[in-house]
Amino acid sequence: PLQMPCIWYEVHLNGGGLNVIGVSLPGVAGVIIGHNERIAWGITNTMTDGDDLFVERINPVNPRQYDYGGKWVDGDLVREEIRVRGRREPVVEEVLVTGHGPIVSPSIPGEERALALRTVVAESSQHAQAILLLDRADSWEGFREALRHWPAPAQNFVYADVEGNIGYQMGGLVPIRAKGQGLVPSSGWTGEYEWTGFIPFDELPSVLN
């Protein structure tokens, strides 16, 4: 859908070892798409699937526990206070977090199952490091090294430099699933559908010139 105002804004950062211009997002340190004095880059979404829903069995006598491998396991209960304009008291949500992630089904109308969301977005917090390394990169090697730290969402990064080189590198975490493709909610209690890791960076698509 059309977004007004656009979530992207133009910025030129000059100082502290940076001279980079392009676009960024509110609250993000550095330029996400743009160029410095040596290299330029752009991005598009890869549309890889980095989110899975797991159906959890909740203990009927203890709603803080869920079944995993035939045993009741304690989850984390996170209290979220949401301040709402015009209300004196905040809206309080208590969210159960399992080994797969938070139970998100209360936000899905008509969904009666306990669905936990596992997402690559929650796997790493290296965005700032990746972006600042990207902003300072001065070569194809430096560009790729920055993208080793890019966690999510997975992106297609295209590259050009002042030497006339062009390139492509996919960046981001892509789950390796023990079973299935994560297309539909999977049973969370059996352990059959776990993520066993992520595709190594050096095995992601990449080409220079």
C-alpha atoms as a PDB file:
ATOM      1  CA  PRO A   1       0.000   0.000   0.000  1.00  0.00           C
ATOM      2  CA  LEU A   2       0.996   3.614  -0.526  1.00  0.00           C
ATOM      3  CA  GLN A   3       2.662   5.033   2.587  1.00  0.00           C
ATOM      4  CA  MET A   4       2.572   8.747   3.289  1.00  0.00           C
ATOM      5  CA  PRO A   5       4.902   9.880   4.606  1.00  0.00           C
ATOM      6  CA  CYS A   6       7.376   7.341   3.232  1.00  0.00           C
ATOM      7  CA  ILE A   7       9.231   5.327   5.891  1.00  0.00           C
ATOM      8  CA  TRP A   8      12.554   6.148   4.165  1.00  0.00           C
ATOM      9  CA  TYR A   9      14.251   9.517   4.585  1.00  0.00           C
ATOM     10  CA  GLU A  10      17.309  11.005   2.879  1.00  0.00           C
ATOM     11  CA  VAL A  11      20.413  11.655   4.962  1.00  0.00           C
ATOM     12  CA  HIS A  12      24.048  12.655   4.466  1.00  0.00           C
ATOM     13  CA  LEU A  13      26.412  11.683   7.299  1.00  0.00           C
ATOM     14  CA  ASN A  14      29.805  13.363   7.255  1.00  0.00           C
ATOM     15  CA  GLY A  15      32.158  13.053  10.224  1.00  0.00           C
ATOM     16  CA  GLY A  16      33.632  10.494  12.574  1.00  0.00           C
ATOM     17  CA  GLY A  17      35.159   8.533   9.720  1.00  0.00           C
ATOM     18  CA  LEU A  18      31.938   8.589   7.691  1.00  0.00           C
ATOM     19  CA  ASN A  19      31.066  10.339   4.453  1.00  0.00           C
ATOM     20  CA  VAL A  20      27.994   8.495   3.245  1.00  0.00           C
ATOM     21  CA  ILE A  21      24.747   9.615   1.650  1.00  0.00           C
ATOM     22  CA  GLY A  22      21.527   7.789   0.914  1.00  0.00           C
ATOM     23  CA  VAL A  23      18.393   6.767   2.782  1.00  0.00           C
ATOM     24  CA  SER A  24      17.682   5.376   6.216  1.00  0.00           C
ATOM     25  CA  LEU A  25      14.792   4.534   8.536  1.00  0.00           C
ATOM     26  CA  PRO A  26      13.734   6.431  11.675  1.00  0.00           C
ATOM     27  CA  GLY A  27      15.707   5.231  14.686  1.00  0.00           C
ATOM     28  CA  VAL A  28      18.385   3.444  12.637  1.00  0.00           C
ATOM     29  CA  ALA A  29      22.029   4.453  12.933  1.00  0.00           C
ATOM     30  CA  GLY A  30      23.649   4.965   9.546  1.00  0.00           C
ATOM     31  CA  VAL A  31      22.678   4.831   5.874  1.00  0.00           C
ATOM     32  CA  ILE A  32      20.979   1.613   4.753  1.00  0.00           C
ATOM     33  CA  ILE A  33      20.926   2.269   0.985  1.00  0.00           C
ATOM     34  CA  GLY A  34      23.340   4.689  -0.649  1.00  0.00           C
ATOM     35  CA  HIS A  35      26.994   5.370  -1.388  1.00  0.00           C
ATOM     36  CA  ASN A  36      30.190   6.621   0.176  1.00  0.00           C
ATOM     37  CA  GLU A  37      33.284   7.932  -1.586  1.00  0.00           C
ATOM     38  CA  ARG A  38      34.254   4.511  -2.946  1.00  0.00           C
ATOM     39  CA  ILE A  39      31.249   2.183  -3.248  1.00  0.00           C
ATOM     40  CA  ALA A  40      27.490   2.298  -3.824  1.00  0.00           C
ATOM     41  CA  TRP A  41      24.801  -0.276  -3.046  1.00  0.00           C
ATOM     42  CA  GLY A  42      21.083  -0.902  -3.325  1.00  0.00           C
ATOM     43  CA  ILE A  43      18.762  -3.512  -1.854  1.00  0.00           C
ATOM     44  CA  THR A  44      15.552  -5.442  -2.536  1.00  0.00           C
ATOM     45  CA  ASN A  45      13.797  -8.117  -0.482  1.00  0.00           C
ATOM     46  CA  THR A  46      14.786 -11.729  -1.191  1.00  0.00           C
ATOM     47  CA  MET A  47      11.382 -12.969   0.020  1.00  0.00           C
ATOM     48  CA  THR A  48      13.023 -15.921   1.790  1.00  0.00           C
ATOM     49  CA  ASP A  49      10.889 -17.454   4.551  1.00  0.00           C
ATOM     50  CA  GLY A  50      12.404 -16.497   7.892  1.00  0.00           C
ATOM     51  CA  ASP A  51       9.283 -16.990  10.031  1.00  0.00           C
ATOM     52  CA  ASP A  52       7.630 -20.167  11.291  1.00  0.00           C
ATOM     53  CA  LEU A  53       4.566 -20.724  13.449  1.00  0.00           C
ATOM     54  CA  PHE A  54       4.630 -23.544  15.983  1.00  0.00           C
ATOM     55  CA  VAL A  55       1.498 -24.967  17.608  1.00  0.00           C
ATOM     56  CA  GLU A  56       2.199 -25.256  21.333  1.00  0.00           C
ATOM     57  CA  ARG A  57       0.431 -27.451  23.883  1.00  0.00           C
ATOM     58  CA  ILE A  58      -0.148 -25.361  26.999  1.00  0.00           C
ATOM     59  CA  ASN A  59      -0.443 -27.025  30.406  1.00  0.00           C
ATOM     60  CA  PRO A  60      -4.146 -26.781  31.345  1.00  0.00           C
ATOM     61  CA  VAL A  61      -3.284 -26.429  35.040  1.00  0.00           C
ATOM     62  CA  ASN A  62      -0.315 -24.075  34.596  1.00  0.00           C
ATOM     63  CA  PRO A  63      -0.608 -21.623  31.671  1.00  0.00           C
ATOM     64  CA  ARG A  64       3.087 -20.710  32.038  1.00  0.00           C
ATOM     65  CA  GLN A  65       4.151 -24.193  30.918  1.00  0.00           C
ATOM     66  CA  TYR A  66       4.183 -25.844  27.507  1.00  0.00           C
ATOM     67  CA  ASP A  67       4.838 -29.385  26.308  1.00  0.00           C
ATOM     68  CA  TYR A  68       8.175 -30.204  24.722  1.00  0.00           C
ATOM     69  CA  GLY A  69       9.303 -33.782  24.243  1.00  0.00           C
ATOM     70  CA  GLY A  70       6.611 -35.089  26.578  1.00  0.00           C
ATOM     71  CA  LYS A  71       7.609 -32.834  29.484  1.00  0.00           C
ATOM     72  CA  TRP A  72       6.138 -29.597  30.796  1.00  0.00           C
ATOM     73  CA  VAL A  73       8.647 -26.803  30.300  1.00  0.00           C
ATOM     74  CA  ASP A  74       8.474 -23.389  31.961  1.00  0.00           C
ATOM     75  CA  GLY A  75       8.088 -20.500  29.554  1.00  0.00           C
ATOM     76  CA  ASP A  76       8.869 -16.845  30.212  1.00  0.00           C
ATOM     77  CA  LEU A  77       5.942 -14.566  30.978  1.00  0.00           C
ATOM     78  CA  VAL A  78       6.654 -11.076  29.663  1.00  0.00           C
ATOM     79  CA  ARG A  79       4.493  -8.182  30.880  1.00  0.00           C
ATOM     80  CA  GLU A  80       3.942  -5.518  28.241  1.00  0.00           C
ATOM     81  CA  GLU A  81       2.470  -2.143  29.245  1.00  0.00           C
ATOM     82  CA  ILE A  82       1.099  -0.169  26.299  1.00  0.00           C
ATOM     83  CA  ARG A  83       0.282   3.465  26.975  1.00  0.00           C
ATOM     84  CA  VAL A  84      -2.728   4.675  24.992  1.00  0.00           C
ATOM     85  CA  ARG A  85      -3.656   8.291  24.387  1.00  0.00           C
ATOM     86  CA  GLY A  86      -6.786   9.253  26.311  1.00  0.00           C
ATOM     87  CA  ARG A  87      -6.430   6.439  28.848  1.00  0.00           C
ATOM     88  CA  ARG A  88      -5.101   6.994  32.333  1.00  0.00           C
ATOM     89  CA  GLU A  89      -4.034   3.363  32.802  1.00  0.00           C
ATOM     90  CA  PRO A  90      -1.944   1.449  30.245  1.00  0.00           C
ATOM     91  CA  VAL A  91      -3.217  -1.610  28.411  1.00  0.00           C
ATOM     92  CA  VAL A  92      -1.431  -4.614  29.921  1.00  0.00           C
ATOM     93  CA  GLU A  93      -0.615  -7.730  27.912  1.00  0.00           C
ATOM     94  CA  GLU A  94       1.109 -10.772  29.401  1.00  0.00           C
ATOM     95  CA  VAL A  95       2.876 -12.727  26.677  1.00  0.00           C
ATOM     96  CA  LEU A  96       4.098 -16.298  27.114  1.00  0.00           C
ATOM     97  CA  VAL A  97       7.438 -16.878  25.376  1.00  0.00           C
ATOM     98  CA  THR A  98       8.305 -20.494  24.560  1.00  0.00           C
ATOM     99  CA  GLY A  99      11.517 -21.928  23.160  1.00  0.00           C
ATOM    100  CA  HIS A 100      10.114 -21.104  19.714  1.00  0.00           C
ATOM    101  CA  GLY A 101       9.173 -17.534  20.515  1.00  0.00           C
ATOM    102  CA  PRO A 102       6.202 -15.529  21.795  1.00  0.00           C
ATOM    103  CA  ILE A 103       2.626 -16.801  21.642  1.00  0.00           C
ATOM    104  CA  VAL A 104       1.035 -14.494  19.059  1.00  0.00           C
ATOM    105  CA  SER A 105      -2.371 -16.142  18.500  1.00  0.00           C
ATOM    106  CA  PRO A 106      -4.308 -13.738  20.807  1.00  0.00           C
ATOM    107  CA  SER A 107      -3.752 -11.125  18.078  1.00  0.00           C
ATOM    108  CA  ILE A 108      -5.281 -13.397  15.398  1.00  0.00           C
ATOM    109  CA  PRO A 109      -9.099 -13.191  15.417  1.00  0.00           C
ATOM    110  CA  GLY A 110     -10.732 -16.610  15.657  1.00  0.00           C
ATOM    111  CA  GLU A 111      -7.474 -18.503  16.278  1.00  0.00           C
ATOM    112  CA  GLU A 112      -7.904 -20.881  19.217  1.00  0.00           C
ATOM    113  CA  ARG A 113      -4.561 -22.674  19.011  1.00  0.00           C
ATOM    114  CA  ALA A 114      -1.517 -21.410  20.912  1.00  0.00           C
ATOM    115  CA  LEU A 115       0.780 -20.314  18.083  1.00  0.00           C
ATOM    116  CA  ALA A 116       4.390 -19.340  18.824  1.00  0.00           C
ATOM    117  CA  LEU A 117       6.309 -17.283  16.259  1.00  0.00           C
ATOM    118  CA  ARG A 118       9.936 -18.054  15.545  1.00  0.00           C
ATOM    119  CA  THR A 119      11.487 -15.354  13.388  1.00  0.00           C
ATOM    120  CA  VAL A 120      14.987 -14.523  12.194  1.00  0.00           C
ATOM    121  CA  VAL A 121      14.334 -10.920  13.241  1.00  0.00           C
ATOM    122  CA  ALA A 122      14.686 -12.040  16.877  1.00  0.00           C
ATOM    123  CA  GLU A 123      17.836 -14.111  16.284  1.00  0.00           C
ATOM    124  CA  SER A 124      20.387 -11.290  16.180  1.00  0.00           C
ATOM    125  CA  SER A 125      20.793  -7.618  17.008  1.00  0.00           C
ATOM    126  CA  GLN A 126      23.749  -6.868  14.696  1.00  0.00           C
ATOM    127  CA  HIS A 127      21.898  -4.478  12.364  1.00  0.00           C
ATOM    128  CA  ALA A 128      23.766  -1.404  13.590  1.00  0.00           C
ATOM    129  CA  GLN A 129      27.148  -3.119  13.244  1.00  0.00           C
ATOM    130  CA  ALA A 130      26.329  -4.313   9.716  1.00  0.00           C
ATOM    131  CA  ILE A 131      25.085  -0.890   8.593  1.00  0.00           C
ATOM    132  CA  LEU A 132      28.064   1.023   9.986  1.00  0.00           C
ATOM    133  CA  LEU A 133      30.518  -1.459   8.449  1.00  0.00           C
ATOM    134  CA  LEU A 134      28.662  -1.087   5.150  1.00  0.00           C
ATOM    135  CA  ASP A 135      28.833   2.702   5.364  1.00  0.00           C
ATOM    136  CA  ARG A 136      32.612   2.528   5.858  1.00  0.00           C
ATOM    137  CA  ALA A 137      33.350  -0.219   3.312  1.00  0.00           C
ATOM    138  CA  ASP A 138      35.683   0.806   0.474  1.00  0.00           C
ATOM    139  CA  SER A 139      35.896  -2.415  -1.561  1.00  0.00           C
ATOM    140  CA  TRP A 140      34.031  -5.568  -2.573  1.00  0.00           C
ATOM    141  CA  GLU A 141      35.754  -7.430   0.261  1.00  0.00           C
ATOM    142  CA  GLY A 142      34.713  -4.832   2.824  1.00  0.00           C
ATOM    143  CA  PHE A 143      31.182  -4.810   1.428  1.00  0.00           C
ATOM    144  CA  ARG A 144      30.863  -8.586   1.825  1.00  0.00           C
ATOM    145  CA  GLU A 145      32.409  -8.501   5.300  1.00  0.00           C
ATOM    146  CA  ALA A 146      29.747  -6.003   6.394  1.00  0.00           C
ATOM    147  CA  LEU A 147      26.974  -8.235   5.075  1.00  0.00           C
ATOM    148  CA  ARG A 148      28.250 -11.191   7.099  1.00  0.00           C
ATOM    149  CA  HIS A 149      26.712  -9.366  10.040  1.00  0.00           C
ATOM    150  CA  TRP A 150      23.381  -8.554   8.365  1.00  0.00           C
ATOM    151  CA  PRO A 151      20.763 -10.635  10.223  1.00  0.00           C
ATOM    152  CA  ALA A 152      17.289  -9.924   8.862  1.00  0.00           C
ATOM    153  CA  PRO A 153      15.253  -9.555   6.838  1.00  0.00           C
ATOM    154  CA  ALA A 154      17.240 -11.267   4.105  1.00  0.00           C
ATOM    155  CA  GLN A 155      18.060  -8.847   1.281  1.00  0.00           C
ATOM    156  CA  ASN A 156      19.542  -8.771  -2.214  1.00  0.00           C
ATOM    157  CA  PHE A 157      22.451  -6.309  -2.117  1.00  0.00           C
ATOM    158  CA  VAL A 158      23.783  -4.953  -5.419  1.00  0.00           C
ATOM    159  CA  TYR A 159      27.186  -3.287  -5.547  1.00  0.00           C
ATOM    160  CA  ALA A 160      29.262  -0.900  -7.662  1.00  0.00           C
ATOM    161  CA  ASP A 161      32.557   0.860  -6.994  1.00  0.00           C
ATOM    162  CA  VAL A 162      34.759   3.593  -8.436  1.00  0.00           C
ATOM    163  CA  GLU A 163      37.000   0.969 -10.065  1.00  0.00           C
ATOM    164  CA  GLY A 164      34.114  -0.122 -12.308  1.00  0.00           C
ATOM    165  CA  ASN A 165      33.286  -3.362 -10.499  1.00  0.00           C
ATOM    166  CA  ILE A 166      29.703  -4.551 -10.054  1.00  0.00           C
ATOM    167  CA  GLY A 167      28.461  -7.337  -7.823  1.00  0.00           C
ATOM    168  CA  TYR A 168      25.632  -9.051  -6.020  1.00  0.00           C
ATOM    169  CA  GLN A 169      25.533 -10.546  -2.532  1.00  0.00           C
ATOM    170  CA  MET A 170      22.599 -12.001  -0.636  1.00  0.00           C
ATOM    171  CA  GLY A 171      22.672 -11.109   3.038  1.00  0.00           C
ATOM    172  CA  GLY A 172      20.647 -12.380   5.964  1.00  0.00           C
ATOM    173  CA  LEU A 173      19.788 -15.427   8.028  1.00  0.00           C
ATOM    174  CA  VAL A 174      18.049 -18.274   6.180  1.00  0.00           C
ATOM    175  CA  PRO A 175      16.838 -21.075   8.470  1.00  0.00           C
ATOM    176  CA  ILE A 176      17.749 -24.710   7.949  1.00  0.00           C
ATOM    177  CA  ARG A 177      14.710 -26.768   8.975  1.00  0.00           C
ATOM    178  CA  ALA A 178      15.004 -30.318  10.277  1.00  0.00           C
ATOM    179  CA  LYS A 179      11.732 -31.183   8.548  1.00  0.00           C
ATOM    180  CA  GLY A 180       9.214 -29.425   6.336  1.00  0.00           C
ATOM    181  CA  GLN A 181       9.344 -25.979   4.762  1.00  0.00           C
ATOM    182  CA  GLY A 182       7.523 -23.955   7.401  1.00  0.00           C
ATOM    183  CA  LEU A 183       4.600 -23.284   5.069  1.00  0.00           C
ATOM    184  CA  VAL A 184       1.962 -24.150   7.683  1.00  0.00           C
ATOM    185  CA  PRO A 185       1.993 -24.176  11.510  1.00  0.00           C
ATOM    186  CA  SER A 186       3.994 -27.163  12.782  1.00  0.00           C
ATOM    187  CA  SER A 187       3.729 -29.115  16.017  1.00  0.00           C
ATOM    188  CA  GLY A 188       5.999 -27.512  18.590  1.00  0.00           C
ATOM    189  CA  TRP A 189       6.035 -30.356  21.100  1.00  0.00           C
ATOM    190  CA  THR A 190       7.659 -33.082  18.977  1.00  0.00           C
ATOM    191  CA  GLY A 191      10.956 -31.392  18.101  1.00  0.00           C
ATOM    192  CA  GLU A 192      10.650 -32.636  14.502  1.00  0.00           C
ATOM    193  CA  TYR A 193      10.376 -29.213  12.902  1.00  0.00           C
ATOM    194  CA  GLU A 194      13.137 -27.347  14.730  1.00  0.00           C
ATOM    195  CA  TRP A 195      15.573 -24.973  13.094  1.00  0.00           C
ATOM    196  CA  THR A 196      18.966 -26.665  13.112  1.00  0.00           C
ATOM    197  CA  GLY A 197      20.933 -23.589  12.108  1.00  0.00           C
ATOM    198  CA  PHE A 198      21.271 -21.121   9.242  1.00  0.00           C
ATOM    199  CA  ILE A 199      22.756 -21.362   5.758  1.00  0.00           C
ATOM    200  CA  PRO A 200      26.410 -20.258   6.089  1.00  0.00           C
ATOM    201  CA  PHE A 201      27.141 -16.821   4.634  1.00  0.00           C
ATOM    202  CA  ASP A 202      29.698 -18.191   2.155  1.00  0.00           C
ATOM    203  CA  GLU A 203      27.001 -20.472   0.692  1.00  0.00           C
ATOM    204  CA  LEU A 204      24.587 -17.599  -0.013  1.00  0.00           C
ATOM    205  CA  PRO A 205      24.360 -16.415  -3.664  1.00  0.00           C
ATOM    206  CA  SER A 206      27.171 -14.046  -4.623  1.00  0.00           C
ATOM    207  CA  VAL A 207      28.823 -12.873  -7.845  1.00  0.00           C
ATOM    208  CA  LEU A 208      31.384 -10.239  -8.802  1.00  0.00           C
ATOM    209  CA  ASN A 209      31.471  -8.806 -12.341  1.00  0.00           C
END
